[in-house]
Amino acid sequence: QVQLVESGGGLVQPGGSLRLSCATSGFDFSTYAMFWYRQAPGWNREWVATIFVSDGGTYYSDAVKGRFTISRDDAKSTVYLQMNGLRPEDTAVYYCDTGEWWGQGTRVTVSS
């Protein structure tokens, strides 16, 4: 059974940092590119970042480039999203995604 479980969300002040984790099981993690998406209230789901397999290449949306870093640990079947310089507009539920499966999300709220 495929599982993706996000964690690490919470309430943080503007300018703060959070590190999201997505622990996976049930599929060969090392062969999948991994994605982070987010969905803010009243908005469509938005792509945030991608990390590929072969060279570990990473890509970011313009909204988060320079502030967020995606990484992966294939030994732990886990993908991470380090979020620095958080802004109120980063408030959303964050999901990890394989392109075939996705998790239940973890909520991030950026507010003073």
PDB file of N, CA and C in Angstrom:
ATOM      1  N   GLN A   1       0.849  -1.183   0.000  1.00  0.00           N
ATOM      2  CA  GLN A   1       0.000   0.000   0.000  1.00  0.00           C
ATOM      3  C   GLN A   1       0.894   1.245   0.000  1.00  0.00           C
ATOM      4  N   VAL A   2       0.627   2.137  -0.944  1.00  0.00           N
ATOM      5  CA  VAL A   2       1.402   3.364  -1.045  1.00  0.00           C
ATOM      6  C   VAL A   2       0.960   4.340   0.043  1.00  0.00           C
ATOM      7  N   GLN A   3       1.942   4.909   0.722  1.00  0.00           N
ATOM      8  CA  GLN A   3       1.653   5.933   1.716  1.00  0.00           C
ATOM      9  C   GLN A   3       2.629   7.088   1.572  1.00  0.00           C
ATOM     10  N   LEU A   4       2.106   8.292   1.676  1.00  0.00           N
ATOM     11  CA  LEU A   4       2.906   9.513   1.741  1.00  0.00           C
ATOM     12  C   LEU A   4       2.360  10.296   2.933  1.00  0.00           C
ATOM     13  N   VAL A   5       3.219  10.563   3.891  1.00  0.00           N
ATOM     14  CA  VAL A   5       2.786  11.225   5.118  1.00  0.00           C
ATOM     15  C   VAL A   5       3.623  12.469   5.332  1.00  0.00           C
ATOM     16  N   GLU A   6       2.981  13.622   5.173  1.00  0.00           N
ATOM     17  CA  GLU A   6       3.652  14.899   5.377  1.00  0.00           C
ATOM     18  C   GLU A   6       3.614  15.283   6.856  1.00  0.00           C
ATOM     19  N   SER A   7       4.631  15.996   7.275  1.00  0.00           N
ATOM     20  CA  SER A   7       4.684  16.512   8.635  1.00  0.00           C
ATOM     21  C   SER A   7       5.551  17.764   8.650  1.00  0.00           C
ATOM     22  N   GLY A   8       5.514  18.470   9.767  1.00  0.00           N
ATOM     23  CA  GLY A   8       6.373  19.632   9.945  1.00  0.00           C
ATOM     24  C   GLY A   8       5.696  20.972   9.787  1.00  0.00           C
ATOM     25  N   GLY A   9       4.436  20.961   9.417  1.00  0.00           N
ATOM     26  CA  GLY A   9       3.718  22.220   9.294  1.00  0.00           C
ATOM     27  C   GLY A   9       3.431  22.842  10.650  1.00  0.00           C
ATOM     28  N   GLY A  10       2.903  24.049  10.613  1.00  0.00           N
ATOM     29  CA  GLY A  10       2.568  24.731  11.855  1.00  0.00           C
ATOM     30  C   GLY A  10       2.391  26.210  11.640  1.00  0.00           C
ATOM     31  N   LEU A  11       2.354  26.927  12.745  1.00  0.00           N
ATOM     32  CA  LEU A  11       2.211  28.377  12.730  1.00  0.00           C
ATOM     33  C   LEU A  11       3.586  29.008  12.912  1.00  0.00           C
ATOM     34  N   VAL A  12       3.923  29.930  12.046  1.00  0.00           N
ATOM     35  CA  VAL A  12       5.221  30.589  12.116  1.00  0.00           C
ATOM     36  C   VAL A  12       5.050  32.069  11.778  1.00  0.00           C
ATOM     37  N   GLN A  13       5.884  32.892  12.350  1.00  0.00           N
ATOM     38  CA  GLN A  13       5.828  34.324  12.067  1.00  0.00           C
ATOM     39  C   GLN A  13       6.478  34.639  10.723  1.00  0.00           C
ATOM     40  N   PRO A  14       6.080  35.720  10.091  1.00  0.00           N
ATOM     41  CA  PRO A  14       6.743  36.127   8.847  1.00  0.00           C
ATOM     42  C   PRO A  14       8.240  36.222   9.042  1.00  0.00           C
ATOM     43  N   GLY A  15       8.968  35.722   8.055  1.00  0.00           N
ATOM     44  CA  GLY A  15      10.419  35.681   8.132  1.00  0.00           C
ATOM     45  C   GLY A  15      10.971  34.416   8.758  1.00  0.00           C
ATOM     46  N   GLY A  16      10.114  33.613   9.321  1.00  0.00           N
ATOM     47  CA  GLY A  16      10.540  32.394   9.983  1.00  0.00           C
ATOM     48  C   GLY A  16      10.780  31.249   9.017  1.00  0.00           C
ATOM     49  N   SER A  17      11.090  30.093   9.589  1.00  0.00           N
ATOM     50  CA  SER A  17      11.433  28.912   8.801  1.00  0.00           C
ATOM     51  C   SER A  17      10.675  27.695   9.301  1.00  0.00           C
ATOM     52  N   LEU A  18      10.451  26.789   8.386  1.00  0.00           N
ATOM     53  CA  LEU A  18       9.900  25.470   8.705  1.00  0.00           C
ATOM     54  C   LEU A  18      10.548  24.456   7.776  1.00  0.00           C
ATOM     55  N   ARG A  19      10.623  23.238   8.247  1.00  0.00           N
ATOM     56  CA  ARG A  19      11.100  22.140   7.407  1.00  0.00           C
ATOM     57  C   ARG A  19      10.017  21.081   7.336  1.00  0.00           C
ATOM     58  N   LEU A  20       9.490  20.894   6.159  1.00  0.00           N
ATOM     59  CA  LEU A  20       8.485  19.872   5.944  1.00  0.00           C
ATOM     60  C   LEU A  20       9.153  18.563   5.552  1.00  0.00           C
ATOM     61  N   SER A  21       8.557  17.472   5.992  1.00  0.00           N
ATOM     62  CA  SER A  21       9.019  16.132   5.626  1.00  0.00           C
ATOM     63  C   SER A  21       7.862  15.359   5.013  1.00  0.00           C
ATOM     64  N   CYS A  22       8.203  14.460   4.124  1.00  0.00           N
ATOM     65  CA  CYS A  22       7.210  13.563   3.538  1.00  0.00           C
ATOM     66  C   CYS A  22       7.813  12.169   3.544  1.00  0.00           C
ATOM     67  N   ALA A  23       7.366  11.359   4.474  1.00  0.00           N
ATOM     68  CA  ALA A  23       7.829   9.978   4.582  1.00  0.00           C
ATOM     69  C   ALA A  23       6.955   9.097   3.708  1.00  0.00           C
ATOM     70  N   THR A  24       7.601   8.278   2.891  1.00  0.00           N
ATOM     71  CA  THR A  24       6.843   7.462   1.941  1.00  0.00           C
ATOM     72  C   THR A  24       7.115   5.975   2.142  1.00  0.00           C
ATOM     73  N   SER A  25       6.216   5.166   1.626  1.00  0.00           N
ATOM     74  CA  SER A  25       6.386   3.722   1.641  1.00  0.00           C
ATOM     75  C   SER A  25       5.477   3.116   0.586  1.00  0.00           C
ATOM     76  N   GLY A  26       5.775   1.883   0.215  1.00  0.00           N
ATOM     77  CA  GLY A  26       4.904   1.151  -0.697  1.00  0.00           C
ATOM     78  C   GLY A  26       5.256   1.272  -2.162  1.00  0.00           C
ATOM     79  N   PHE A  27       6.310   1.988  -2.480  1.00  0.00           N
ATOM     80  CA  PHE A  27       6.773   2.083  -3.851  1.00  0.00           C
ATOM     81  C   PHE A  27       8.274   2.340  -3.834  1.00  0.00           C
ATOM     82  N   ASP A  28       8.917   2.195  -4.993  1.00  0.00           N
ATOM     83  CA  ASP A  28      10.358   2.355  -5.073  1.00  0.00           C
ATOM     84  C   ASP A  28      10.697   3.845  -5.159  1.00  0.00           C
ATOM     85  N   PHE A  29      10.829   4.455  -4.000  1.00  0.00           N
ATOM     86  CA  PHE A  29      11.023   5.908  -3.891  1.00  0.00           C
ATOM     87  C   PHE A  29      12.181   6.391  -4.753  1.00  0.00           C
ATOM     88  N   SER A  30      13.256   5.633  -4.794  1.00  0.00           N
ATOM     89  CA  SER A  30      14.477   6.099  -5.459  1.00  0.00           C
ATOM     90  C   SER A  30      14.309   6.253  -6.966  1.00  0.00           C
ATOM     91  N   THR A  31      13.237   5.724  -7.522  1.00  0.00           N
ATOM     92  CA  THR A  31      13.018   5.802  -8.964  1.00  0.00           C
ATOM     93  C   THR A  31      11.989   6.863  -9.357  1.00  0.00           C
ATOM     94  N   TYR A  32      11.489   7.608  -8.373  1.00  0.00           N
ATOM     95  CA  TYR A  32      10.455   8.599  -8.638  1.00  0.00           C
ATOM     96  C   TYR A  32      10.966  10.022  -8.420  1.00  0.00           C
ATOM     97  N   ALA A  33      10.691  10.905  -9.383  1.00  0.00           N
ATOM     98  CA  ALA A  33      10.790  12.322  -9.096  1.00  0.00           C
ATOM     99  C   ALA A  33       9.735  12.648  -8.040  1.00  0.00           C
ATOM    100  N   MET A  34      10.039  13.632  -7.218  1.00  0.00           N
ATOM    101  CA  MET A  34       9.110  14.014  -6.160  1.00  0.00           C
ATOM    102  C   MET A  34       8.772  15.488  -6.280  1.00  0.00           C
ATOM    103  N   PHE A  35       7.552  15.812  -5.914  1.00  0.00           N
ATOM    104  CA  PHE A  35       7.024  17.155  -6.065  1.00  0.00           C
ATOM    105  C   PHE A  35       6.427  17.632  -4.739  1.00  0.00           C
ATOM    106  N   TRP A  36       6.499  18.930  -4.524  1.00  0.00           N
ATOM    107  CA  TRP A  36       5.716  19.584  -3.483  1.00  0.00           C
ATOM    108  C   TRP A  36       4.728  20.524  -4.171  1.00  0.00           C
ATOM    109  N   TYR A  37       3.493  20.460  -3.712  1.00  0.00           N
ATOM    110  CA  TYR A  37       2.442  21.368  -4.141  1.00  0.00           C
ATOM    111  C   TYR A  37       1.873  22.038  -2.892  1.00  0.00           C
ATOM    112  N   ARG A  38       1.121  23.092  -3.118  1.00  0.00           N
ATOM    113  CA  ARG A  38       0.408  23.720  -2.002  1.00  0.00           C
ATOM    114  C   ARG A  38      -0.940  24.225  -2.495  1.00  0.00           C
ATOM    115  N   GLN A  39      -1.856  24.351  -1.551  1.00  0.00           N
ATOM    116  CA  GLN A  39      -3.172  24.883  -1.873  1.00  0.00           C
ATOM    117  C   GLN A  39      -3.613  25.796  -0.753  1.00  0.00           C
ATOM    118  N   ALA A  40      -3.767  27.050  -1.105  1.00  0.00           N
ATOM    119  CA  ALA A  40      -4.253  28.042  -0.161  1.00  0.00           C
ATOM    120  C   ALA A  40      -5.779  28.078  -0.218  1.00  0.00           C
ATOM    121  N   PRO A  41      -6.419  28.523   0.859  1.00  0.00           N
ATOM    122  CA  PRO A  41      -7.889  28.591   0.881  1.00  0.00           C
ATOM    123  C   PRO A  41      -8.414  29.429  -0.274  1.00  0.00           C
ATOM    124  N   GLY A  42      -9.325  28.846  -1.038  1.00  0.00           N
ATOM    125  CA  GLY A  42      -9.935  29.576  -2.132  1.00  0.00           C
ATOM    126  C   GLY A  42      -9.126  29.608  -3.405  1.00  0.00           C
ATOM    127  N   TRP A  43      -7.985  28.942  -3.410  1.00  0.00           N
ATOM    128  CA  TRP A  43      -7.107  28.947  -4.575  1.00  0.00           C
ATOM    129  C   TRP A  43      -6.937  27.529  -5.109  1.00  0.00           C
ATOM    130  N   ASN A  44      -6.510  27.435  -6.366  1.00  0.00           N
ATOM    131  CA  ASN A  44      -6.190  26.139  -6.955  1.00  0.00           C
ATOM    132  C   ASN A  44      -4.866  25.622  -6.403  1.00  0.00           C
ATOM    133  N   ARG A  45      -4.685  24.336  -6.571  1.00  0.00           N
ATOM    134  CA  ARG A  45      -3.425  23.727  -6.177  1.00  0.00           C
ATOM    135  C   ARG A  45      -2.289  24.311  -7.014  1.00  0.00           C
ATOM    136  N   GLU A  46      -1.161  24.584  -6.353  1.00  0.00           N
ATOM    137  CA  GLU A  46      -0.040  25.274  -6.999  1.00  0.00           C
ATOM    138  C   GLU A  46       1.222  24.453  -6.846  1.00  0.00           C
ATOM    139  N   TRP A  47       1.928  24.251  -7.944  1.00  0.00           N
ATOM    140  CA  TRP A  47       3.203  23.557  -7.881  1.00  0.00           C
ATOM    141  C   TRP A  47       4.234  24.434  -7.166  1.00  0.00           C
ATOM    142  N   VAL A  48       5.049  23.812  -6.320  1.00  0.00           N
ATOM    143  CA  VAL A  48       6.046  24.536  -5.552  1.00  0.00           C
ATOM    144  C   VAL A  48       7.467  24.146  -5.974  1.00  0.00           C
ATOM    145  N   ALA A  49       7.742  22.835  -5.994  1.00  0.00           N
ATOM    146  CA  ALA A  49       9.117  22.400  -6.258  1.00  0.00           C
ATOM    147  C   ALA A  49       9.138  20.958  -6.731  1.00  0.00           C
ATOM    148  N   THR A  50      10.214  20.621  -7.438  1.00  0.00           N
ATOM    149  CA  THR A  50      10.444  19.276  -7.963  1.00  0.00           C
ATOM    150  C   THR A  50      11.882  18.883  -7.715  1.00  0.00           C
ATOM    151  N   ILE A  51      12.088  17.609  -7.395  1.00  0.00           N
ATOM    152  CA  ILE A  51      13.443  17.068  -7.357  1.00  0.00           C
ATOM    153  C   ILE A  51      13.460  15.791  -8.180  1.00  0.00           C
ATOM    154  N   PHE A  52      14.403  15.702  -9.107  1.00  0.00           N
ATOM    155  CA  PHE A  52      14.498  14.560  -9.983  1.00  0.00           C
ATOM    156  C   PHE A  52      15.389  13.491  -9.384  1.00  0.00           C
ATOM    157  N   VAL A  53      15.467  12.367 -10.100  1.00  0.00           N
ATOM    158  CA  VAL A  53      16.127  11.201  -9.558  1.00  0.00           C
ATOM    159  C   VAL A  53      17.593  11.125  -9.970  1.00  0.00           C
ATOM    160  N   SER A  54      17.852  11.103 -11.244  1.00  0.00           N
ATOM    161  CA  SER A  54      19.177  10.739 -11.731  1.00  0.00           C
ATOM    162  C   SER A  54      20.245  11.714 -11.259  1.00  0.00           C
ATOM    163  N   ASP A  55      20.006  13.001 -11.442  1.00  0.00           N
ATOM    164  CA  ASP A  55      21.008  13.982 -11.042  1.00  0.00           C
ATOM    165  C   ASP A  55      20.554  14.813  -9.851  1.00  0.00           C
ATOM    166  N   GLY A  56      19.381  14.477  -9.331  1.00  0.00           N
ATOM    167  CA  GLY A  56      18.867  15.236  -8.198  1.00  0.00           C
ATOM    168  C   GLY A  56      18.574  16.684  -8.533  1.00  0.00           C
ATOM    169  N   GLY A  57      18.375  16.957  -9.828  1.00  0.00           N
ATOM    170  CA  GLY A  57      18.089  18.321 -10.222  1.00  0.00           C
ATOM    171  C   GLY A  57      16.834  18.846  -9.554  1.00  0.00           C
ATOM    172  N   THR A  58      16.861  20.126  -9.230  1.00  0.00           N
ATOM    173  CA  THR A  58      15.746  20.735  -8.528  1.00  0.00           C
ATOM    174  C   THR A  58      15.203  21.930  -9.297  1.00  0.00           C
ATOM    175  N   TYR A  59      13.909  22.124  -9.158  1.00  0.00           N
ATOM    176  CA  TYR A  59      13.233  23.237  -9.837  1.00  0.00           C
ATOM    177  C   TYR A  59      12.213  23.825  -8.877  1.00  0.00           C
ATOM    178  N   TYR A  60      12.025  25.136  -9.006  1.00  0.00           N
ATOM    179  CA  TYR A  60      11.160  25.858  -8.075  1.00  0.00           C
ATOM    180  C   TYR A  60      10.254  26.818  -8.821  1.00  0.00           C
ATOM    181  N   SER A  61       9.091  27.039  -8.252  1.00  0.00           N
ATOM    182  CA  SER A  61       8.243  28.090  -8.791  1.00  0.00           C
ATOM    183  C   SER A  61       8.883  29.436  -8.485  1.00  0.00           C
ATOM    184  N   ASP A  62       8.547  30.420  -9.269  1.00  0.00           N
ATOM    185  CA  ASP A  62       9.101  31.756  -9.042  1.00  0.00           C
ATOM    186  C   ASP A  62       8.720  32.293  -7.667  1.00  0.00           C
ATOM    187  N   ALA A  63       7.576  31.848  -7.169  1.00  0.00           N
ATOM    188  CA  ALA A  63       7.090  32.369  -5.888  1.00  0.00           C
ATOM    189  C   ALA A  63       7.975  31.969  -4.711  1.00  0.00           C
ATOM    190  N   VAL A  64       8.707  30.861  -4.862  1.00  0.00           N
ATOM    191  CA  VAL A  64       9.488  30.353  -3.723  1.00  0.00           C
ATOM    192  C   VAL A  64      10.978  30.283  -4.016  1.00  0.00           C
ATOM    193  N   LYS A  65      11.365  30.522  -5.247  1.00  0.00           N
ATOM    194  CA  LYS A  65      12.778  30.403  -5.630  1.00  0.00           C
ATOM    195  C   LYS A  65      13.643  31.298  -4.762  1.00  0.00           C
ATOM    196  N   GLY A  66      14.724  30.713  -4.265  1.00  0.00           N
ATOM    197  CA  GLY A  66      15.634  31.465  -3.411  1.00  0.00           C
ATOM    198  C   GLY A  66      15.283  31.409  -1.935  1.00  0.00           C
ATOM    199  N   ARG A  67      14.095  30.911  -1.610  1.00  0.00           N
ATOM    200  CA  ARG A  67      13.670  30.825  -0.210  1.00  0.00           C
ATOM    201  C   ARG A  67      13.457  29.376   0.232  1.00  0.00           C
ATOM    202  N   PHE A  68      13.000  28.536  -0.690  1.00  0.00           N
ATOM    203  CA  PHE A  68      12.694  27.142  -0.373  1.00  0.00           C
ATOM    204  C   PHE A  68      13.744  26.229  -0.999  1.00  0.00           C
ATOM    205  N   THR A  69      14.005  25.106  -0.333  1.00  0.00           N
ATOM    206  CA  THR A  69      14.931  24.107  -0.861  1.00  0.00           C
ATOM    207  C   THR A  69      14.317  22.725  -0.716  1.00  0.00           C
ATOM    208  N   ILE A  70      14.212  22.016  -1.827  1.00  0.00           N
ATOM    209  CA  ILE A  70      13.730  20.640  -1.812  1.00  0.00           C
ATOM    210  C   ILE A  70      14.928  19.704  -1.793  1.00  0.00           C
ATOM    211  N   SER A  71      14.813  18.619  -1.030  1.00  0.00           N
ATOM    212  CA  SER A  71      15.877  17.627  -0.978  1.00  0.00           C
ATOM    213  C   SER A  71      15.249  16.258  -0.743  1.00  0.00           C
ATOM    214  N   ARG A  72      16.035  15.236  -0.910  1.00  0.00           N
ATOM    215  CA  ARG A  72      15.535  13.876  -0.727  1.00  0.00           C
ATOM    216  C   ARG A  72      16.592  13.013  -0.074  1.00  0.00           C
ATOM    217  N   ASP A  73      16.127  12.015   0.660  1.00  0.00           N
ATOM    218  CA  ASP A  73      16.980  11.005   1.254  1.00  0.00           C
ATOM    219  C   ASP A  73      16.427   9.661   0.802  1.00  0.00           C
ATOM    220  N   ASP A  74      17.047   9.090  -0.220  1.00  0.00           N
ATOM    221  CA  ASP A  74      16.524   7.845  -0.771  1.00  0.00           C
ATOM    222  C   ASP A  74      16.613   6.691   0.230  1.00  0.00           C
ATOM    223  N   ALA A  75      17.601   6.721   1.117  1.00  0.00           N
ATOM    224  CA  ALA A  75      17.729   5.663   2.119  1.00  0.00           C
ATOM    225  C   ALA A  75      16.552   5.671   3.088  1.00  0.00           C
ATOM    226  N   LYS A  76      15.961   6.853   3.287  1.00  0.00           N
ATOM    227  CA  LYS A  76      14.827   6.974   4.196  1.00  0.00           C
ATOM    228  C   LYS A  76      13.501   7.107   3.450  1.00  0.00           C
ATOM    229  N   SER A  77      13.560   7.087   2.119  1.00  0.00           N
ATOM    230  CA  SER A  77      12.342   7.253   1.303  1.00  0.00           C
ATOM    231  C   SER A  77      11.573   8.506   1.716  1.00  0.00           C
ATOM    232  N   THR A  78      12.298   9.572   1.893  1.00  0.00           N
ATOM    233  CA  THR A  78      11.717  10.801   2.418  1.00  0.00           C
ATOM    234  C   THR A  78      12.156  11.985   1.576  1.00  0.00           C
ATOM    235  N   VAL A  79      11.231  12.877   1.337  1.00  0.00           N
ATOM    236  CA  VAL A  79      11.527  14.135   0.659  1.00  0.00           C
ATOM    237  C   VAL A  79      11.245  15.271   1.637  1.00  0.00           C
ATOM    238  N   TYR A  80      12.033  16.331   1.517  1.00  0.00           N
ATOM    239  CA  TYR A  80      11.955  17.453   2.452  1.00  0.00           C
ATOM    240  C   TYR A  80      11.704  18.750   1.690  1.00  0.00           C
ATOM    241  N   LEU A  81      11.178  19.712   2.406  1.00  0.00           N
ATOM    242  CA  LEU A  81      11.064  21.065   1.879  1.00  0.00           C
ATOM    243  C   LEU A  81      11.468  22.022   2.995  1.00  0.00           C
ATOM    244  N   GLN A  82      12.653  22.594   2.850  1.00  0.00           N
ATOM    245  CA  GLN A  82      13.125  23.613   3.794  1.00  0.00           C
ATOM    246  C   GLN A  82      12.585  24.956   3.329  1.00  0.00           C
ATOM    247  N   MET A  83      11.852  25.616   4.182  1.00  0.00           N
ATOM    248  CA  MET A  83      11.206  26.877   3.830  1.00  0.00           C
ATOM    249  C   MET A  83      11.758  27.975   4.727  1.00  0.00           C
ATOM    250  N   ASN A  84      12.440  28.925   4.129  1.00  0.00           N
ATOM    251  CA  ASN A  84      12.990  30.065   4.846  1.00  0.00           C
ATOM    252  C   ASN A  84      12.322  31.349   4.358  1.00  0.00           C
ATOM    253  N   GLY A  85      12.451  32.381   5.144  1.00  0.00           N
ATOM    254  CA  GLY A  85      11.874  33.655   4.740  1.00  0.00           C
ATOM    255  C   GLY A  85      10.399  33.578   4.450  1.00  0.00           C
ATOM    256  N   LEU A  86       9.683  32.870   5.309  1.00  0.00           N
ATOM    257  CA  LEU A  86       8.259  32.647   5.043  1.00  0.00           C
ATOM    258  C   LEU A  86       7.467  33.950   5.067  1.00  0.00           C
ATOM    259  N   ARG A  87       6.468  33.981   4.202  1.00  0.00           N
ATOM    260  CA  ARG A  87       5.605  35.149   4.035  1.00  0.00           C
ATOM    261  C   ARG A  87       4.153  34.746   4.258  1.00  0.00           C
ATOM    262  N   PRO A  88       3.299  35.691   4.589  1.00  0.00           N
ATOM    263  CA  PRO A  88       1.879  35.334   4.769  1.00  0.00           C
ATOM    264  C   PRO A  88       1.284  34.637   3.539  1.00  0.00           C
ATOM    265  N   GLU A  89       1.746  34.991   2.365  1.00  0.00           N
ATOM    266  CA  GLU A  89       1.207  34.368   1.153  1.00  0.00           C
ATOM    267  C   GLU A  89       1.675  32.932   0.962  1.00  0.00           C
ATOM    268  N   ASP A  90       2.572  32.452   1.809  1.00  0.00           N
ATOM    269  CA  ASP A  90       2.964  31.047   1.788  1.00  0.00           C
ATOM    270  C   ASP A  90       1.986  30.175   2.578  1.00  0.00           C
ATOM    271  N   THR A  91       1.039  30.793   3.251  1.00  0.00           N
ATOM    272  CA  THR A  91       0.044  30.052   4.011  1.00  0.00           C
ATOM    273  C   THR A  91      -0.750  29.137   3.090  1.00  0.00           C
ATOM    274  N   ALA A  92      -0.750  27.849   3.399  1.00  0.00           N
ATOM    275  CA  ALA A  92      -1.408  26.859   2.539  1.00  0.00           C
ATOM    276  C   ALA A  92      -1.271  25.493   3.190  1.00  0.00           C
ATOM    277  N   VAL A  93      -1.968  24.534   2.622  1.00  0.00           N
ATOM    278  CA  VAL A  93      -1.714  23.130   2.926  1.00  0.00           C
ATOM    279  C   VAL A  93      -0.713  22.628   1.888  1.00  0.00           C
ATOM    280  N   TYR A  94       0.363  22.035   2.365  1.00  0.00           N
ATOM    281  CA  TYR A  94       1.449  21.567   1.511  1.00  0.00           C
ATOM    282  C   TYR A  94       1.364  20.045   1.353  1.00  0.00           C
ATOM    283  N   TYR A  95       1.482  19.608   0.106  1.00  0.00           N
ATOM    284  CA  TYR A  95       1.361  18.191  -0.232  1.00  0.00           C
ATOM    285  C   TYR A  95       2.611  17.713  -0.953  1.00  0.00           C
ATOM    286  N   CYS A  96       3.068  16.522  -0.627  1.00  0.00           N
ATOM    287  CA  CYS A  96       4.068  15.887  -1.476  1.00  0.00           C
ATOM    288  C   CYS A  96       3.354  14.957  -2.447  1.00  0.00           C
ATOM    289  N   ASP A  97       4.001  14.744  -3.577  1.00  0.00           N
ATOM    290  CA  ASP A  97       3.305  14.103  -4.699  1.00  0.00           C
ATOM    291  C   ASP A  97       4.336  13.373  -5.546  1.00  0.00           C
ATOM    292  N   THR A  98       3.952  12.196  -6.030  1.00  0.00           N
ATOM    293  CA  THR A  98       4.842  11.440  -6.912  1.00  0.00           C
ATOM    294  C   THR A  98       4.442  11.593  -8.367  1.00  0.00           C
ATOM    295  N   GLY A  99       3.330  12.241  -8.623  1.00  0.00           N
ATOM    296  CA  GLY A  99       2.748  12.263  -9.959  1.00  0.00           C
ATOM    297  C   GLY A  99       1.657  11.212 -10.095  1.00  0.00           C
ATOM    298  N   GLU A 100       1.715  10.208  -9.208  1.00  0.00           N
ATOM    299  CA  GLU A 100       0.674   9.169  -9.203  1.00  0.00           C
ATOM    300  C   GLU A 100      -0.084   9.168  -7.878  1.00  0.00           C
ATOM    301  N   TRP A 101       0.632   9.456  -6.802  1.00  0.00           N
ATOM    302  CA  TRP A 101       0.045   9.445  -5.468  1.00  0.00           C
ATOM    303  C   TRP A 101       0.425  10.728  -4.736  1.00  0.00           C
ATOM    304  N   TRP A 102      -0.353  11.079  -3.740  1.00  0.00           N
ATOM    305  CA  TRP A 102      -0.054  12.238  -2.917  1.00  0.00           C
ATOM    306  C   TRP A 102      -0.543  11.994  -1.510  1.00  0.00           C
ATOM    307  N   GLY A 103      -0.016  12.805  -0.584  1.00  0.00           N
ATOM    308  CA  GLY A 103      -0.344  12.630   0.812  1.00  0.00           C
ATOM    309  C   GLY A 103      -1.550  13.451   1.240  1.00  0.00           C
ATOM    310  N   GLN A 104      -1.761  13.489   2.553  1.00  0.00           N
ATOM    311  CA  GLN A 104      -2.927  14.196   3.099  1.00  0.00           C
ATOM    312  C   GLN A 104      -2.638  15.669   3.358  1.00  0.00           C
ATOM    313  N   GLY A 105      -1.375  16.026   3.274  1.00  0.00           N
ATOM    314  CA  GLY A 105      -0.995  17.419   3.435  1.00  0.00           C
ATOM    315  C   GLY A 105      -0.660  17.800   4.855  1.00  0.00           C
ATOM    316  N   THR A 106       0.104  18.891   4.973  1.00  0.00           N
ATOM    317  CA  THR A 106       0.415  19.472   6.275  1.00  0.00           C
ATOM    318  C   THR A 106       0.191  20.978   6.161  1.00  0.00           C
ATOM    319  N   ARG A 107      -0.453  21.551   7.155  1.00  0.00           N
ATOM    320  CA  ARG A 107      -0.867  22.956   7.067  1.00  0.00           C
ATOM    321  C   ARG A 107       0.240  23.874   7.556  1.00  0.00           C
ATOM    322  N   VAL A 108       0.514  24.892   6.780  1.00  0.00           N
ATOM    323  CA  VAL A 108       1.467  25.939   7.136  1.00  0.00           C
ATOM    324  C   VAL A 108       0.721  27.260   7.216  1.00  0.00           C
ATOM    325  N   THR A 109       0.862  27.919   8.347  1.00  0.00           N
ATOM    326  CA  THR A 109       0.245  29.233   8.525  1.00  0.00           C
ATOM    327  C   THR A 109       1.337  30.228   8.891  1.00  0.00           C
ATOM    328  N   VAL A 110       1.428  31.281   8.104  1.00  0.00           N
ATOM    329  CA  VAL A 110       2.418  32.320   8.351  1.00  0.00           C
ATOM    330  C   VAL A 110       1.671  33.580   8.761  1.00  0.00           C
ATOM    331  N   SER A 111       1.831  33.922  10.017  1.00  0.00           N
ATOM    332  CA  SER A 111       1.071  35.057  10.551  1.00  0.00           C
ATOM    333  C   SER A 111       1.756  35.586  11.796  1.00  0.00           C
ATOM    334  N   SER A 112       1.625  36.887  11.990  1.00  0.00           N
ATOM    335  CA  SER A 112       2.136  37.491  13.211  1.00  0.00           C
ATOM    336  C   SER A 112       1.043  37.577  14.267  1.00  0.00           C
TER     337      SER A 112
END
